[in-house]
N, C-alpha and C. Protein backbone atom coordinates (compact mmCIF):
# COMPACT_ATOMS: atom_id res chain seq x y z
N MET A 1 2.93 5.53 -5.63
CA MET A 1 1.81 4.68 -5.40
C MET A 1 0.70 5.53 -4.81
N THR A 2 -0.51 5.19 -5.20
CA THR A 2 -1.69 5.89 -4.70
C THR A 2 -2.52 4.90 -3.90
N VAL A 3 -3.14 5.38 -2.84
CA VAL A 3 -3.94 4.51 -1.97
C VAL A 3 -5.40 4.92 -2.03
N LYS A 4 -6.27 3.94 -2.16
CA LYS A 4 -7.71 4.14 -2.07
C LYS A 4 -8.17 3.39 -0.83
N VAL A 5 -8.73 4.12 0.14
CA VAL A 5 -9.17 3.51 1.39
C VAL A 5 -10.66 3.18 1.33
N ARG A 6 -11.08 2.36 2.27
CA ARG A 6 -12.47 1.91 2.39
C ARG A 6 -12.98 1.23 1.12
N ALA A 7 -12.14 0.43 0.50
CA ALA A 7 -12.51 -0.30 -0.72
C ALA A 7 -13.27 -1.57 -0.36
N HIS A 8 -13.94 -2.14 -1.33
CA HIS A 8 -14.69 -3.38 -1.12
C HIS A 8 -13.76 -4.59 -1.01
N GLU A 9 -12.63 -4.53 -1.70
CA GLU A 9 -11.67 -5.63 -1.63
C GLU A 9 -10.26 -5.07 -1.64
N GLU A 10 -9.34 -5.81 -1.07
CA GLU A 10 -7.94 -5.39 -1.06
C GLU A 10 -7.27 -5.92 -2.31
N ARG A 11 -6.71 -5.01 -3.11
CA ARG A 11 -6.07 -5.41 -4.36
C ARG A 11 -5.10 -4.34 -4.81
N VAL A 12 -4.27 -4.70 -5.78
CA VAL A 12 -3.29 -3.78 -6.36
C VAL A 12 -3.54 -3.68 -7.86
N GLU A 13 -3.69 -2.47 -8.35
CA GLU A 13 -3.82 -2.22 -9.79
C GLU A 13 -2.52 -1.57 -10.25
N TRP A 14 -1.83 -2.20 -11.18
CA TRP A 14 -0.58 -1.64 -11.68
C TRP A 14 -0.87 -0.66 -12.82
N VAL A 15 -0.40 0.58 -12.67
CA VAL A 15 -0.53 1.59 -13.71
C VAL A 15 0.61 1.43 -14.70
N ASP A 16 1.82 1.26 -14.20
CA ASP A 16 3.00 0.93 -14.99
C ASP A 16 3.96 0.16 -14.09
N ALA A 17 5.19 -0.01 -14.52
CA ALA A 17 6.13 -0.85 -13.76
C ALA A 17 6.49 -0.28 -12.39
N THR A 18 6.33 1.03 -12.20
CA THR A 18 6.74 1.64 -10.93
C THR A 18 5.60 2.30 -10.18
N HIS A 19 4.40 2.34 -10.72
CA HIS A 19 3.29 3.01 -10.05
C HIS A 19 2.09 2.08 -9.96
N ALA A 20 1.49 2.05 -8.78
CA ALA A 20 0.33 1.19 -8.55
C ALA A 20 -0.72 1.95 -7.74
N VAL A 21 -1.95 1.48 -7.86
CA VAL A 21 -3.05 1.96 -7.02
C VAL A 21 -3.40 0.80 -6.11
N VAL A 22 -3.27 1.02 -4.80
CA VAL A 22 -3.55 -0.03 -3.82
C VAL A 22 -4.88 0.27 -3.16
N HIS A 23 -5.80 -0.68 -3.25
CA HIS A 23 -7.12 -0.57 -2.63
C HIS A 23 -7.10 -1.36 -1.33
N VAL A 24 -7.46 -0.69 -0.23
CA VAL A 24 -7.50 -1.37 1.08
C VAL A 24 -8.84 -1.09 1.75
N ARG A 25 -9.24 -2.01 2.61
CA ARG A 25 -10.53 -1.88 3.30
C ARG A 25 -10.47 -0.94 4.50
N GLN A 26 -9.32 -0.80 5.09
CA GLN A 26 -9.17 -0.01 6.32
C GLN A 26 -9.40 1.48 6.07
N SER A 27 -9.82 2.15 7.12
CA SER A 27 -9.92 3.61 7.06
C SER A 27 -8.59 4.21 7.50
N PRO A 28 -8.32 5.44 7.11
CA PRO A 28 -7.03 6.05 7.47
C PRO A 28 -7.03 6.56 8.91
N HIS A 29 -7.11 5.65 9.86
CA HIS A 29 -7.17 6.01 11.27
C HIS A 29 -6.10 5.24 12.02
N ASP A 30 -5.27 5.93 12.77
CA ASP A 30 -4.22 5.32 13.59
C ASP A 30 -3.26 4.45 12.79
N GLY A 31 -3.04 4.78 11.53
CA GLY A 31 -2.08 4.05 10.71
C GLY A 31 -2.57 2.69 10.22
N LEU A 32 -3.84 2.40 10.39
CA LEU A 32 -4.38 1.10 9.98
C LEU A 32 -4.32 0.94 8.46
N ALA A 33 -4.60 2.00 7.73
CA ALA A 33 -4.55 1.91 6.27
C ALA A 33 -3.11 1.71 5.79
N ASN A 34 -2.15 2.35 6.42
CA ASN A 34 -0.75 2.17 6.03
C ASN A 34 -0.31 0.73 6.23
N ALA A 35 -0.71 0.14 7.34
CA ALA A 35 -0.36 -1.27 7.61
C ALA A 35 -1.03 -2.17 6.57
N ALA A 36 -2.27 -1.87 6.21
CA ALA A 36 -2.98 -2.67 5.21
C ALA A 36 -2.33 -2.53 3.84
N VAL A 37 -1.83 -1.34 3.53
CA VAL A 37 -1.14 -1.12 2.25
C VAL A 37 0.10 -2.00 2.17
N LEU A 38 0.90 -2.01 3.22
CA LEU A 38 2.12 -2.83 3.23
C LEU A 38 1.78 -4.31 3.14
N LYS A 39 0.75 -4.75 3.86
CA LYS A 39 0.36 -6.15 3.84
C LYS A 39 -0.14 -6.56 2.45
N THR A 40 -0.98 -5.74 1.85
CA THR A 40 -1.52 -6.05 0.52
C THR A 40 -0.42 -6.06 -0.53
N LEU A 41 0.47 -5.08 -0.46
CA LEU A 41 1.56 -5.02 -1.42
C LEU A 41 2.53 -6.19 -1.25
N ALA A 42 2.83 -6.57 -0.01
CA ALA A 42 3.72 -7.70 0.24
C ALA A 42 3.11 -9.00 -0.31
N ARG A 43 1.82 -9.17 -0.11
CA ARG A 43 1.15 -10.37 -0.63
C ARG A 43 1.19 -10.40 -2.16
N THR A 44 0.97 -9.25 -2.79
CA THR A 44 0.98 -9.17 -4.25
C THR A 44 2.37 -9.42 -4.83
N LEU A 45 3.39 -8.84 -4.19
CA LEU A 45 4.76 -8.99 -4.69
C LEU A 45 5.41 -10.30 -4.23
N ARG A 46 4.74 -11.02 -3.34
CA ARG A 46 5.26 -12.27 -2.78
C ARG A 46 6.60 -12.08 -2.08
N VAL A 47 6.63 -11.05 -1.24
CA VAL A 47 7.79 -10.78 -0.40
C VAL A 47 7.30 -10.66 1.04
N GLY A 48 8.22 -10.74 1.98
CA GLY A 48 7.85 -10.55 3.37
C GLY A 48 7.55 -9.09 3.65
N ILE A 49 6.66 -8.86 4.59
CA ILE A 49 6.28 -7.49 4.91
C ILE A 49 7.49 -6.71 5.45
N GLY A 50 8.46 -7.41 6.03
CA GLY A 50 9.66 -6.77 6.53
C GLY A 50 10.58 -6.26 5.44
N GLN A 51 10.35 -6.69 4.21
CA GLN A 51 11.16 -6.23 3.08
C GLN A 51 10.62 -4.93 2.48
N LEU A 52 9.48 -4.46 2.96
CA LEU A 52 8.90 -3.22 2.47
C LEU A 52 9.09 -2.12 3.50
N ARG A 53 9.36 -0.93 3.01
CA ARG A 53 9.54 0.21 3.91
C ARG A 53 8.88 1.43 3.29
N MET A 54 8.04 2.09 4.07
CA MET A 54 7.40 3.32 3.60
C MET A 54 8.39 4.46 3.77
N VAL A 55 8.75 5.10 2.65
CA VAL A 55 9.73 6.16 2.67
C VAL A 55 9.05 7.52 2.82
N ARG A 56 7.95 7.71 2.10
CA ARG A 56 7.22 8.98 2.14
C ARG A 56 5.73 8.71 2.07
N GLY A 57 4.93 9.65 2.56
CA GLY A 57 3.50 9.57 2.42
C GLY A 57 2.78 8.93 3.59
N PHE A 58 3.29 9.10 4.78
CA PHE A 58 2.67 8.49 5.95
C PHE A 58 1.27 9.02 6.22
N ARG A 59 0.98 10.25 5.80
CA ARG A 59 -0.30 10.86 6.11
C ARG A 59 -1.16 11.15 4.87
N GLY A 60 -0.64 10.89 3.68
CA GLY A 60 -1.40 11.21 2.46
C GLY A 60 -1.73 9.98 1.65
N LYS A 61 -2.41 10.21 0.53
CA LYS A 61 -2.79 9.11 -0.36
C LYS A 61 -1.67 8.70 -1.29
N SER A 62 -0.71 9.58 -1.51
CA SER A 62 0.42 9.28 -2.37
C SER A 62 1.59 8.82 -1.50
N LYS A 63 2.11 7.64 -1.79
CA LYS A 63 3.16 7.05 -0.95
C LYS A 63 4.32 6.56 -1.78
N VAL A 64 5.49 6.49 -1.15
CA VAL A 64 6.67 5.90 -1.77
C VAL A 64 7.06 4.73 -0.89
N ILE A 65 7.08 3.53 -1.50
CA ILE A 65 7.42 2.31 -0.78
C ILE A 65 8.70 1.75 -1.39
N GLU A 66 9.64 1.39 -0.53
CA GLU A 66 10.91 0.83 -0.98
C GLU A 66 10.90 -0.67 -0.70
N VAL A 67 11.36 -1.44 -1.67
CA VAL A 67 11.45 -2.90 -1.52
C VAL A 67 12.92 -3.28 -1.41
N ASP A 68 13.27 -3.99 -0.34
CA ASP A 68 14.64 -4.45 -0.13
C ASP A 68 14.85 -5.79 -0.77
């Protein structure tokens, strides 16, 4: 998954079944963008935020998120 920060709206664009581009409004400061990514993805997938776990990519634009 790829993250675009400081977007105009929060949304998820699916590239294929396993890769998405997540647009979030937050800036990458103090983990705010990571939290926004999980929230936006949970809303899109209609799962609880507790069912998502960031496996890799805590500091970069490319992330791996696991869904339980």
